């Protein structure tokens, strides 16, 4: 009988200790969600291409780094090491975020609402198609962001290659923290968008 009481007291003590430890445990850090933002206005040093023609642009994302295709924000630590930020995440698919911002930027720069990312509706008939390959889209918090991309242009049928270009864009990160990192990514996307837009206007002129 005494042994049973002792065991009961020990079990109760262990249970109360476990509850106390659970109560003292630190809560999990909050999770923050981020989104890319389109250009608000063109930089004064960069002039938008001017055209009175109606350009209809279709964008096709062909390849995207598999390492970045995840909810967590991926940063680069050194040449060969990537880190995942468990509590700093994209608000949605990074691929869709990137394509949405690119489409909105091109629309603003070129001056047309006729810009869409694939897949588009049957009634949408691009006069020029952009095939985009994203090779790199990461950065160092507090340091810089890098975009490496290749892009090719075709006419309405999507078969004849009109031009192929490549770009490496480095954008400084002005402050520490993930918010500044994402702001730099958005600025880098703006620079890439402007390069693509200028090529679209130049190639579209003979076709319109």
N, C-alpha and C. Protein backbone atom coordinates (compact mmCIF):
# COMPACT_ATOMS: atom_id res chain seq x y z
N UNK A 1 0.83 -1.21 0.00
CA UNK A 1 0.00 0.00 0.00
C UNK A 1 0.87 1.26 0.00
N UNK A 2 1.89 1.27 0.88
CA UNK A 2 2.77 2.44 0.96
C UNK A 2 3.51 2.63 -0.36
N UNK A 3 3.95 1.48 -0.97
CA UNK A 3 4.67 1.57 -2.23
C UNK A 3 3.79 2.16 -3.31
N UNK A 4 2.51 1.78 -3.33
CA UNK A 4 1.59 2.31 -4.35
C UNK A 4 1.41 3.82 -4.18
N UNK A 5 1.31 4.25 -2.89
CA UNK A 5 1.16 5.69 -2.65
C UNK A 5 2.40 6.45 -3.11
N UNK A 6 3.57 5.90 -2.85
CA UNK A 6 4.80 6.56 -3.27
C UNK A 6 4.86 6.68 -4.79
N UNK A 7 4.48 5.58 -5.48
CA UNK A 7 4.48 5.60 -6.94
C UNK A 7 3.48 6.63 -7.47
N UNK A 8 2.33 6.70 -6.81
CA UNK A 8 1.31 7.68 -7.22
C UNK A 8 1.83 9.10 -7.06
N UNK A 9 2.48 9.36 -5.92
CA UNK A 9 3.03 10.68 -5.68
C UNK A 9 4.12 11.03 -6.72
N UNK A 10 4.94 10.03 -7.05
CA UNK A 10 6.00 10.27 -8.03
C UNK A 10 5.41 10.58 -9.41
N UNK A 11 4.37 9.81 -9.79
CA UNK A 11 3.73 10.05 -11.09
C UNK A 11 3.10 11.44 -11.13
N UNK A 12 2.45 11.82 -10.02
CA UNK A 12 1.82 13.14 -9.95
C UNK A 12 2.88 14.24 -10.04
N UNK A 13 4.00 14.03 -9.35
CA UNK A 13 5.08 15.02 -9.37
C UNK A 13 5.66 15.17 -10.77
N UNK A 14 5.84 14.03 -11.44
CA UNK A 14 6.37 14.08 -12.81
C UNK A 14 5.39 14.79 -13.74
N UNK A 15 4.10 14.53 -13.58
CA UNK A 15 3.07 15.16 -14.40
C UNK A 15 3.05 16.68 -14.19
N UNK A 16 3.11 17.10 -12.92
CA UNK A 16 3.11 18.54 -12.63
C UNK A 16 4.37 19.22 -13.14
N UNK A 17 5.49 18.50 -13.06
CA UNK A 17 6.75 19.06 -13.58
C UNK A 17 6.67 19.25 -15.09
N UNK A 18 6.09 18.25 -15.77
CA UNK A 18 5.94 18.36 -17.23
C UNK A 18 5.05 19.53 -17.61
N UNK A 19 3.95 19.72 -16.85
CA UNK A 19 3.07 20.85 -17.13
C UNK A 19 3.79 22.18 -16.93
N UNK A 20 4.60 22.25 -15.88
CA UNK A 20 5.33 23.48 -15.59
C UNK A 20 6.33 23.79 -16.70
N UNK A 21 7.00 22.75 -17.20
CA UNK A 21 7.96 22.95 -18.28
C UNK A 21 7.27 23.40 -19.55
N UNK A 22 6.09 22.83 -19.83
CA UNK A 22 5.33 23.24 -21.01
C UNK A 22 4.92 24.70 -20.91
N UNK A 23 4.55 25.11 -19.69
CA UNK A 23 4.14 26.49 -19.49
C UNK A 23 5.28 27.47 -19.65
N UNK A 24 6.48 27.02 -19.34
CA UNK A 24 7.65 27.89 -19.43
C UNK A 24 8.28 27.88 -20.81
N UNK A 25 7.85 26.97 -21.67
CA UNK A 25 8.45 26.86 -22.99
C UNK A 25 8.22 28.14 -23.79
N UNK A 26 9.23 28.54 -24.54
CA UNK A 26 9.12 29.76 -25.35
C UNK A 26 8.17 29.52 -26.52
N UNK A 27 7.30 30.50 -26.84
CA UNK A 27 6.41 30.34 -28.00
C UNK A 27 7.21 30.38 -29.29
N UNK A 28 6.66 29.76 -30.35
CA UNK A 28 7.33 29.75 -31.65
C UNK A 28 7.39 31.17 -32.21
N UNK A 29 8.46 31.51 -32.90
CA UNK A 29 8.54 32.85 -33.52
C UNK A 29 7.43 33.03 -34.54
N UNK A 30 6.97 34.24 -34.76
CA UNK A 30 5.93 34.47 -35.77
C UNK A 30 6.47 34.24 -37.18
N UNK A 31 5.60 33.85 -38.09
CA UNK A 31 5.97 33.68 -39.49
C UNK A 31 5.56 34.92 -40.27
N UNK A 32 6.48 35.43 -41.09
CA UNK A 32 6.23 36.62 -41.89
C UNK A 32 6.10 36.23 -43.36
N UNK A 33 5.19 36.89 -44.07
CA UNK A 33 4.94 36.58 -45.47
C UNK A 33 5.24 37.81 -46.33
N UNK A 34 5.81 37.57 -47.51
CA UNK A 34 6.28 38.66 -48.36
C UNK A 34 5.77 38.48 -49.79
N UNK A 35 5.74 39.60 -50.51
CA UNK A 35 5.31 39.59 -51.90
C UNK A 35 6.16 40.57 -52.70
N UNK A 36 6.42 40.25 -53.96
CA UNK A 36 7.11 41.17 -54.85
C UNK A 36 6.17 42.31 -55.23
N UNK A 37 6.73 43.47 -55.51
CA UNK A 37 5.90 44.62 -55.88
C UNK A 37 6.33 45.12 -57.26
N UNK A 38 5.37 45.55 -58.08
CA UNK A 38 5.70 46.09 -59.41
C UNK A 38 6.26 47.50 -59.31
N UNK A 39 6.73 47.99 -60.44
CA UNK A 39 7.24 49.37 -60.51
C UNK A 39 6.13 50.36 -60.20
N UNK A 40 6.43 51.34 -59.36
CA UNK A 40 5.49 52.43 -59.14
C UNK A 40 5.65 53.50 -60.22
N UNK A 41 6.87 53.73 -60.60
CA UNK A 41 7.18 54.69 -61.67
C UNK A 41 8.55 54.35 -62.22
N UNK A 42 8.81 54.79 -63.44
CA UNK A 42 10.10 54.53 -64.05
C UNK A 42 11.16 55.44 -63.44
N UNK A 43 12.37 54.93 -63.21
CA UNK A 43 13.45 55.80 -62.74
C UNK A 43 13.69 56.94 -63.72
N UNK A 44 14.06 58.12 -63.23
CA UNK A 44 14.27 59.27 -64.10
C UNK A 44 15.40 59.03 -65.09
N UNK A 45 16.36 58.19 -64.71
CA UNK A 45 17.49 57.93 -65.60
C UNK A 45 17.14 56.97 -66.73
N UNK A 46 15.94 56.36 -66.66
CA UNK A 46 15.53 55.39 -67.66
C UNK A 46 14.24 55.86 -68.32
N UNK A 47 14.27 56.03 -69.61
CA UNK A 47 13.08 56.48 -70.32
C UNK A 47 12.35 55.29 -70.91
N UNK A 48 11.03 55.30 -70.81
CA UNK A 48 10.22 54.22 -71.34
C UNK A 48 10.18 54.29 -72.86
N UNK A 49 10.18 53.17 -73.54
CA UNK A 49 10.05 53.19 -74.99
C UNK A 49 8.69 53.75 -75.39
N UNK A 50 8.66 54.55 -76.44
CA UNK A 50 7.43 55.18 -76.90
C UNK A 50 6.96 54.51 -78.18
N UNK A 51 5.69 54.21 -78.24
CA UNK A 51 5.12 53.63 -79.45
C UNK A 51 3.63 53.92 -79.49
N UNK A 52 3.15 54.21 -80.70
CA UNK A 52 1.71 54.39 -80.87
C UNK A 52 1.04 53.12 -81.35
N UNK A 53 1.80 52.07 -81.54
CA UNK A 53 1.29 50.80 -82.05
C UNK A 53 0.68 49.97 -80.92
N UNK A 54 -0.21 49.07 -81.29
CA UNK A 54 -0.82 48.16 -80.33
C UNK A 54 0.02 46.89 -80.25
N UNK A 55 0.66 46.69 -79.14
CA UNK A 55 1.49 45.50 -78.94
C UNK A 55 0.77 44.58 -77.96
N UNK A 56 0.69 43.31 -78.33
CA UNK A 56 0.07 42.30 -77.47
C UNK A 56 1.16 41.31 -77.08
N UNK A 57 1.44 41.21 -75.79
CA UNK A 57 2.60 40.45 -75.32
C UNK A 57 2.16 39.21 -74.54
N UNK A 58 2.68 38.07 -74.94
CA UNK A 58 2.48 36.83 -74.19
C UNK A 58 3.80 36.37 -73.59
N UNK A 59 3.80 36.05 -72.29
CA UNK A 59 5.03 35.66 -71.60
C UNK A 59 4.94 34.19 -71.19
N UNK A 60 5.98 33.44 -71.52
CA UNK A 60 6.02 32.01 -71.16
C UNK A 60 7.25 31.77 -70.30
N UNK A 61 7.04 31.32 -69.06
CA UNK A 61 8.16 30.96 -68.19
C UNK A 61 8.53 29.52 -68.49
N UNK A 62 9.73 29.33 -69.06
CA UNK A 62 10.15 27.98 -69.47
C UNK A 62 10.84 27.21 -68.34
N UNK A 63 11.78 27.85 -67.66
CA UNK A 63 12.50 27.17 -66.58
C UNK A 63 12.63 28.11 -65.39
N UNK A 64 12.69 27.49 -64.22
CA UNK A 64 12.82 28.22 -62.96
C UNK A 64 13.61 27.33 -62.00
N UNK A 65 14.55 27.89 -61.22
CA UNK A 65 15.38 27.05 -60.34
C UNK A 65 14.54 26.23 -59.36
N UNK A 66 14.75 24.93 -59.38
CA UNK A 66 13.99 24.05 -58.49
C UNK A 66 14.22 24.39 -57.03
N UNK A 67 15.43 24.84 -56.69
CA UNK A 67 15.75 25.16 -55.29
C UNK A 67 14.91 26.31 -54.76
N UNK A 68 14.40 27.18 -55.66
CA UNK A 68 13.61 28.33 -55.23
C UNK A 68 12.12 28.05 -55.23
N UNK A 69 11.72 26.90 -55.76
CA UNK A 69 10.30 26.59 -55.92
C UNK A 69 9.75 26.00 -54.62
N UNK A 70 9.68 26.83 -53.59
CA UNK A 70 9.23 26.40 -52.26
C UNK A 70 8.71 27.63 -51.51
N UNK A 71 7.94 27.44 -50.44
CA UNK A 71 7.37 28.59 -49.71
C UNK A 71 8.41 29.44 -49.01
N UNK A 72 9.46 28.82 -48.48
CA UNK A 72 10.46 29.57 -47.72
C UNK A 72 11.30 30.45 -48.64
N UNK A 73 11.68 31.61 -48.14
CA UNK A 73 12.59 32.47 -48.89
C UNK A 73 13.99 31.87 -48.81
N UNK A 74 14.61 31.74 -49.98
CA UNK A 74 15.93 31.12 -50.08
C UNK A 74 16.98 32.21 -50.24
N UNK A 75 18.02 32.15 -49.44
CA UNK A 75 19.12 33.09 -49.55
C UNK A 75 20.41 32.32 -49.80
N UNK A 76 21.39 33.05 -50.31
CA UNK A 76 22.67 32.42 -50.64
C UNK A 76 23.70 32.79 -49.58
N UNK A 77 24.35 31.76 -49.05
CA UNK A 77 25.42 31.96 -48.06
C UNK A 77 26.70 31.37 -48.64
N UNK A 78 27.45 32.21 -49.34
CA UNK A 78 28.62 31.71 -50.04
C UNK A 78 28.27 31.28 -51.46
N UNK A 79 29.19 30.62 -52.12
CA UNK A 79 29.02 30.26 -53.53
C UNK A 79 28.08 29.07 -53.71
N UNK A 80 28.19 28.07 -52.85
CA UNK A 80 27.48 26.81 -53.07
C UNK A 80 26.45 26.48 -51.99
N UNK A 81 26.21 27.38 -51.06
CA UNK A 81 25.33 27.06 -49.96
C UNK A 81 24.10 27.95 -49.99
N UNK A 82 22.92 27.31 -49.92
CA UNK A 82 21.65 28.03 -49.86
C UNK A 82 21.01 27.79 -48.50
N UNK A 83 20.30 28.81 -47.99
CA UNK A 83 19.63 28.69 -46.71
C UNK A 83 18.14 28.97 -46.87
N UNK A 84 17.31 28.21 -46.15
CA UNK A 84 15.87 28.40 -46.17
C UNK A 84 15.44 29.11 -44.90
N UNK A 85 14.67 30.17 -45.05
CA UNK A 85 14.17 30.92 -43.89
C UNK A 85 12.81 30.37 -43.51
N UNK A 86 12.77 29.57 -42.45
CA UNK A 86 11.54 28.88 -42.08
C UNK A 86 10.43 29.85 -41.69
N UNK A 87 10.78 31.00 -41.10
CA UNK A 87 9.77 31.93 -40.62
C UNK A 87 9.63 33.18 -41.51
N UNK A 88 10.24 33.12 -42.69
CA UNK A 88 10.10 34.20 -43.67
C UNK A 88 9.74 33.54 -45.00
N UNK A 89 8.49 33.72 -45.44
CA UNK A 89 7.97 32.95 -46.56
C UNK A 89 7.30 33.84 -47.60
N UNK A 90 7.17 33.31 -48.81
CA UNK A 90 6.41 33.98 -49.85
C UNK A 90 4.92 33.82 -49.57
N UNK A 91 4.15 34.83 -49.92
CA UNK A 91 2.71 34.78 -49.68
C UNK A 91 2.01 33.80 -50.61
N UNK A 92 2.65 33.45 -51.73
CA UNK A 92 2.10 32.49 -52.67
C UNK A 92 3.24 31.88 -53.48
N UNK A 93 2.91 31.32 -54.63
CA UNK A 93 3.92 30.74 -55.50
C UNK A 93 4.87 31.82 -56.01
N UNK A 94 6.18 31.62 -55.83
CA UNK A 94 7.15 32.60 -56.28
C UNK A 94 7.12 32.72 -57.81
N UNK A 95 6.91 31.62 -58.51
CA UNK A 95 6.84 31.68 -59.97
C UNK A 95 5.69 32.58 -60.42
N UNK A 96 4.52 32.42 -59.79
CA UNK A 96 3.37 33.24 -60.16
C UNK A 96 3.60 34.70 -59.75
N UNK A 97 4.23 34.91 -58.61
CA UNK A 97 4.57 36.27 -58.17
C UNK A 97 5.45 36.94 -59.22
N UNK A 98 6.50 36.24 -59.63
CA UNK A 98 7.45 36.80 -60.58
C UNK A 98 6.78 37.12 -61.91
N UNK A 99 5.97 36.21 -62.42
CA UNK A 99 5.31 36.42 -63.71
C UNK A 99 4.27 37.53 -63.64
N UNK A 100 3.58 37.62 -62.52
CA UNK A 100 2.60 38.68 -62.35
C UNK A 100 3.23 40.05 -62.32
N UNK A 101 4.36 40.18 -61.60
CA UNK A 101 5.06 41.46 -61.53
C UNK A 101 5.66 41.81 -62.89
N UNK A 102 6.23 40.83 -63.59
CA UNK A 102 6.79 41.09 -64.92
C UNK A 102 5.71 41.57 -65.87
N UNK A 103 4.55 40.92 -65.87
CA UNK A 103 3.46 41.32 -66.76
C UNK A 103 2.99 42.74 -66.44
N UNK A 104 2.85 43.05 -65.15
CA UNK A 104 2.39 44.39 -64.78
C UNK A 104 3.43 45.44 -65.14
N UNK A 105 4.70 45.13 -64.93
CA UNK A 105 5.76 46.07 -65.30
C UNK A 105 5.78 46.34 -66.81
N UNK A 106 5.68 45.28 -67.60
CA UNK A 106 5.69 45.44 -69.06
C UNK A 106 4.50 46.27 -69.52
N UNK A 107 3.36 46.04 -68.88
CA UNK A 107 2.16 46.81 -69.23
C UNK A 107 2.38 48.29 -68.98
N UNK A 108 3.00 48.64 -67.85
CA UNK A 108 3.25 50.04 -67.52
C UNK A 108 4.29 50.66 -68.45
N UNK A 109 5.36 49.92 -68.72
CA UNK A 109 6.45 50.47 -69.51
C UNK A 109 6.04 50.67 -70.97
N UNK A 110 5.40 49.65 -71.54
CA UNK A 110 5.03 49.71 -72.95
C UNK A 110 3.79 50.56 -73.17
N UNK A 111 2.93 50.60 -72.16
CA UNK A 111 1.71 51.39 -72.28
C UNK A 111 0.58 50.62 -72.93
N UNK A 112 0.41 49.36 -72.54
CA UNK A 112 -0.67 48.54 -73.07
C UNK A 112 -1.20 47.63 -71.98
N UNK A 113 -2.49 47.37 -72.02
CA UNK A 113 -3.09 46.41 -71.08
C UNK A 113 -3.00 44.99 -71.63
N UNK A 114 -2.55 44.86 -72.87
CA UNK A 114 -2.54 43.56 -73.54
C UNK A 114 -1.24 42.80 -73.25
N UNK A 115 -1.08 42.41 -71.99
CA UNK A 115 0.06 41.61 -71.55
C UNK A 115 -0.47 40.49 -70.68
N UNK A 116 -0.06 39.27 -70.96
CA UNK A 116 -0.55 38.13 -70.18
C UNK A 116 0.54 37.07 -70.08
N UNK A 117 0.55 36.37 -68.95
CA UNK A 117 1.45 35.24 -68.76
C UNK A 117 0.71 33.95 -69.08
N UNK A 118 1.40 33.00 -69.67
CA UNK A 118 0.80 31.70 -69.99
C UNK A 118 0.43 30.96 -68.71
N UNK A 119 -0.65 30.19 -68.74
CA UNK A 119 -1.56 29.99 -69.87
C UNK A 119 -2.56 31.14 -69.99
N UNK A 120 -2.84 31.58 -71.21
CA UNK A 120 -3.79 32.67 -71.42
C UNK A 120 -5.04 32.15 -72.13
N UNK A 121 -6.07 32.97 -72.14
CA UNK A 121 -7.36 32.59 -72.73
C UNK A 121 -7.23 32.44 -74.25
N UNK A 122 -8.15 31.67 -74.84
CA UNK A 122 -8.10 31.40 -76.27
C UNK A 122 -8.22 32.67 -77.11
N UNK A 123 -8.97 33.66 -76.60
CA UNK A 123 -9.17 34.88 -77.39
C UNK A 123 -7.95 35.81 -77.37
N UNK A 124 -6.98 35.53 -76.49
CA UNK A 124 -5.79 36.38 -76.38
C UNK A 124 -4.81 35.99 -77.47
N UNK A 125 -4.47 36.92 -78.34
CA UNK A 125 -3.61 36.64 -79.50
C UNK A 125 -2.36 37.53 -79.45
N UNK A 126 -1.25 37.03 -78.89
CA UNK A 126 -0.04 37.85 -78.79
C UNK A 126 0.52 38.19 -80.17
N UNK A 127 1.00 39.43 -80.31
CA UNK A 127 1.75 39.80 -81.50
C UNK A 127 3.22 39.46 -81.34
N UNK A 128 3.66 39.29 -80.09
CA UNK A 128 5.02 38.87 -79.80
C UNK A 128 5.01 38.03 -78.52
N UNK A 129 5.83 37.00 -78.52
CA UNK A 129 5.92 36.11 -77.37
C UNK A 129 7.31 36.18 -76.76
N UNK A 130 7.35 36.15 -75.44
CA UNK A 130 8.61 36.18 -74.70
C UNK A 130 8.77 34.85 -73.97
N UNK A 131 9.84 34.13 -74.26
CA UNK A 131 10.15 32.87 -73.59
C UNK A 131 11.26 33.13 -72.58
N UNK A 132 10.94 32.95 -71.29
CA UNK A 132 11.84 33.36 -70.21
C UNK A 132 12.40 32.16 -69.46
N UNK A 133 13.71 32.18 -69.24
CA UNK A 133 14.39 31.20 -68.39
C UNK A 133 15.05 31.96 -67.24
N UNK A 134 14.64 31.64 -66.01
CA UNK A 134 15.27 32.22 -64.83
C UNK A 134 16.34 31.25 -64.35
N UNK A 135 17.59 31.68 -64.39
CA UNK A 135 18.72 30.84 -64.00
C UNK A 135 19.02 31.02 -62.51
N UNK A 136 18.92 32.26 -62.03
CA UNK A 136 19.22 32.56 -60.62
C UNK A 136 18.34 33.72 -60.17
N UNK A 137 17.82 33.61 -58.95
CA UNK A 137 17.02 34.70 -58.38
C UNK A 137 17.10 34.60 -56.86
N UNK A 138 18.27 34.97 -56.33
CA UNK A 138 18.47 34.88 -54.89
C UNK A 138 19.35 36.04 -54.44
N UNK A 139 19.80 36.02 -53.20
CA UNK A 139 20.61 37.13 -52.72
C UNK A 139 21.16 36.89 -51.34
N UNK A 140 21.94 37.87 -50.87
CA UNK A 140 22.52 37.87 -49.54
C UNK A 140 21.83 38.96 -48.73
N UNK A 141 21.14 38.65 -47.64
CA UNK A 141 20.54 39.70 -46.82
C UNK A 141 21.57 40.73 -46.40
N UNK A 142 21.23 42.00 -46.58
CA UNK A 142 22.14 43.07 -46.21
C UNK A 142 23.25 43.32 -47.22
N UNK A 143 23.28 42.56 -48.33
CA UNK A 143 24.36 42.72 -49.32
C UNK A 143 23.80 43.03 -50.70
N UNK A 144 23.33 41.98 -51.42
CA UNK A 144 22.84 42.22 -52.77
C UNK A 144 21.91 41.11 -53.22
N UNK A 145 21.25 41.35 -54.35
CA UNK A 145 20.36 40.40 -55.00
C UNK A 145 20.85 40.19 -56.43
N UNK A 146 20.76 38.97 -56.92
CA UNK A 146 21.19 38.67 -58.28
C UNK A 146 20.08 37.97 -59.05
N UNK A 147 19.81 38.48 -60.25
CA UNK A 147 18.95 37.78 -61.22
C UNK A 147 19.80 37.45 -62.43
N UNK A 148 19.80 36.18 -62.81
CA UNK A 148 20.37 35.76 -64.09
C UNK A 148 19.24 35.18 -64.93
N UNK A 149 19.08 35.71 -66.13
CA UNK A 149 17.95 35.29 -66.95
C UNK A 149 18.35 35.23 -68.42
N UNK A 150 17.66 34.36 -69.15
CA UNK A 150 17.74 34.33 -70.61
C UNK A 150 16.33 34.52 -71.14
N UNK A 151 16.19 35.22 -72.26
CA UNK A 151 14.86 35.41 -72.82
C UNK A 151 14.95 35.49 -74.33
N UNK A 152 13.99 34.82 -74.98
CA UNK A 152 13.92 34.78 -76.43
C UNK A 152 12.57 35.33 -76.87
N UNK A 153 12.54 35.88 -78.09
CA UNK A 153 11.33 36.50 -78.62
C UNK A 153 10.95 35.83 -79.93
N UNK A 154 9.65 35.60 -80.09
CA UNK A 154 9.13 35.09 -81.36
C UNK A 154 7.96 35.95 -81.80
N UNK A 155 7.55 35.75 -83.03
CA UNK A 155 6.37 36.44 -83.55
C UNK A 155 5.09 35.78 -83.07
N UNK A 156 3.96 36.11 -83.72
CA UNK A 156 2.65 35.61 -83.28
C UNK A 156 2.53 34.09 -83.29
N UNK A 157 3.22 33.43 -84.23
CA UNK A 157 3.07 31.97 -84.32
C UNK A 157 3.92 31.23 -83.30
N UNK A 158 4.85 31.93 -82.64
CA UNK A 158 5.68 31.30 -81.62
C UNK A 158 6.75 30.38 -82.15
N UNK A 159 7.04 30.45 -83.46
CA UNK A 159 7.98 29.50 -84.06
C UNK A 159 9.30 30.14 -84.47
N UNK A 160 9.25 31.29 -85.12
CA UNK A 160 10.47 31.91 -85.65
C UNK A 160 11.13 32.75 -84.57
N UNK A 161 12.38 32.41 -84.24
CA UNK A 161 13.11 33.16 -83.21
C UNK A 161 13.55 34.51 -83.78
N UNK A 162 13.10 35.59 -83.14
CA UNK A 162 13.46 36.93 -83.58
C UNK A 162 14.71 37.45 -82.89
N UNK A 163 14.91 37.04 -81.65
CA UNK A 163 16.06 37.53 -80.88
C UNK A 163 16.20 36.71 -79.61
N UNK A 164 17.43 36.58 -79.14
CA UNK A 164 17.71 35.92 -77.87
C UNK A 164 18.67 36.80 -77.07
N UNK A 165 18.35 37.02 -75.82
CA UNK A 165 19.16 37.88 -74.97
C UNK A 165 19.41 37.21 -73.62
N UNK A 166 20.40 37.72 -72.91
CA UNK A 166 20.68 37.29 -71.55
C UNK A 166 20.96 38.50 -70.68
N UNK A 167 20.72 38.36 -69.40
CA UNK A 167 20.95 39.47 -68.48
C UNK A 167 21.39 38.95 -67.13
N UNK A 168 22.34 39.64 -66.53
CA UNK A 168 22.72 39.43 -65.14
C UNK A 168 22.55 40.77 -64.42
N UNK A 169 21.67 40.80 -63.45
CA UNK A 169 21.32 42.04 -62.75
C UNK A 169 21.70 41.89 -61.29
N UNK A 170 22.50 42.83 -60.79
CA UNK A 170 22.86 42.87 -59.38
C UNK A 170 22.26 44.13 -58.75
N UNK A 171 21.51 43.93 -57.70
CA UNK A 171 20.84 45.05 -57.03
C UNK A 171 21.26 45.08 -55.56
N UNK A 172 21.81 46.20 -55.08
CA UNK A 172 22.22 46.25 -53.67
C UNK A 172 21.03 46.20 -52.73
N UNK A 173 21.24 45.57 -51.59
CA UNK A 173 20.24 45.56 -50.52
C UNK A 173 20.64 46.64 -49.54
N UNK A 174 19.80 47.64 -49.38
CA UNK A 174 20.19 48.85 -48.65
C UNK A 174 20.20 48.69 -47.14
N UNK A 175 19.45 47.69 -46.62
CA UNK A 175 19.37 47.50 -45.17
C UNK A 175 19.39 46.01 -44.85
N UNK A 176 19.55 45.71 -43.57
CA UNK A 176 19.44 44.32 -43.13
C UNK A 176 17.97 43.91 -43.08
N UNK A 177 17.73 42.62 -43.05
CA UNK A 177 16.37 42.12 -42.90
C UNK A 177 15.76 41.68 -44.21
N UNK A 178 14.70 40.87 -44.09
CA UNK A 178 14.08 40.27 -45.27
C UNK A 178 13.21 41.27 -46.04
N UNK A 179 12.65 42.24 -45.37
CA UNK A 179 11.84 43.22 -46.09
C UNK A 179 12.70 44.00 -47.09
N UNK A 180 13.90 44.38 -46.68
CA UNK A 180 14.81 45.07 -47.59
C UNK A 180 15.28 44.15 -48.71
N UNK A 181 15.45 42.87 -48.40
CA UNK A 181 15.86 41.90 -49.41
C UNK A 181 14.79 41.77 -50.50
N UNK A 182 13.53 41.68 -50.09
CA UNK A 182 12.44 41.54 -51.07
C UNK A 182 12.26 42.83 -51.87
N UNK A 183 12.46 43.97 -51.24
CA UNK A 183 12.38 45.23 -51.97
C UNK A 183 13.46 45.29 -53.06
N UNK A 184 14.66 44.79 -52.76
CA UNK A 184 15.73 44.75 -53.75
C UNK A 184 15.39 43.78 -54.88
N UNK A 185 14.77 42.65 -54.56
CA UNK A 185 14.32 41.71 -55.59
C UNK A 185 13.31 42.38 -56.52
N UNK A 186 12.42 43.18 -55.96
CA UNK A 186 11.41 43.87 -56.78
C UNK A 186 12.08 44.90 -57.70
N UNK A 187 13.08 45.61 -57.19
CA UNK A 187 13.80 46.57 -58.03
C UNK A 187 14.55 45.86 -59.15
N UNK A 188 15.16 44.72 -58.83
CA UNK A 188 15.87 43.95 -59.86
C UNK A 188 14.90 43.47 -60.94
N UNK A 189 13.70 43.06 -60.54
CA UNK A 189 12.69 42.67 -61.52
C UNK A 189 12.29 43.86 -62.39
N UNK A 190 12.27 45.05 -61.82
CA UNK A 190 11.98 46.24 -62.61
C UNK A 190 13.03 46.48 -63.68
N UNK A 191 14.29 46.30 -63.33
CA UNK A 191 15.38 46.47 -64.30
C UNK A 191 15.28 45.44 -65.42
N UNK A 192 15.01 44.18 -65.05
CA UNK A 192 14.84 43.13 -66.06
C UNK A 192 13.64 43.43 -66.96
N UNK A 193 12.55 43.91 -66.37
CA UNK A 193 11.35 44.23 -67.13
C UNK A 193 11.63 45.30 -68.17
N UNK A 194 12.40 46.31 -67.80
CA UNK A 194 12.71 47.40 -68.72
C UNK A 194 13.53 46.90 -69.90
N UNK A 195 14.51 46.03 -69.65
CA UNK A 195 15.33 45.48 -70.73
C UNK A 195 14.47 44.68 -71.70
N UNK A 196 13.56 43.88 -71.16
CA UNK A 196 12.67 43.07 -72.01
C UNK A 196 11.72 43.97 -72.79
N UNK A 197 11.19 45.01 -72.14
CA UNK A 197 10.24 45.90 -72.79
C UNK A 197 10.87 46.63 -73.97
N UNK A 198 12.08 47.09 -73.81
CA UNK A 198 12.76 47.80 -74.89
C UNK A 198 12.96 46.89 -76.10
N UNK A 199 13.31 45.65 -75.84
CA UNK A 199 13.50 44.69 -76.94
C UNK A 199 12.18 44.40 -77.62
N UNK A 200 11.10 44.29 -76.84
CA UNK A 200 9.78 44.02 -77.41
C UNK A 200 9.38 45.13 -78.38
N UNK A 201 9.55 46.38 -77.98
CA UNK A 201 9.16 47.51 -78.82
C UNK A 201 10.00 47.54 -80.10
N UNK A 202 11.31 47.31 -79.96
CA UNK A 202 12.18 47.34 -81.13
C UNK A 202 11.81 46.23 -82.12
N UNK A 203 11.51 45.05 -81.61
CA UNK A 203 11.19 43.92 -82.50
C UNK A 203 9.78 44.04 -83.07
N UNK A 204 8.88 44.67 -82.34
CA UNK A 204 7.49 44.75 -82.77
C UNK A 204 7.28 45.78 -83.88
N UNK A 205 8.13 46.79 -83.95
CA UNK A 205 7.93 47.89 -84.90
C UNK A 205 7.77 47.40 -86.34
N UNK A 206 8.62 46.49 -86.87
CA UNK A 206 8.44 46.05 -88.26
C UNK A 206 7.19 45.21 -88.48
N UNK A 207 6.65 44.60 -87.39
CA UNK A 207 5.53 43.69 -87.54
C UNK A 207 4.19 44.41 -87.47
N UNK A 208 4.16 45.67 -86.99
CA UNK A 208 2.91 46.38 -86.76
C UNK A 208 2.66 47.44 -87.81
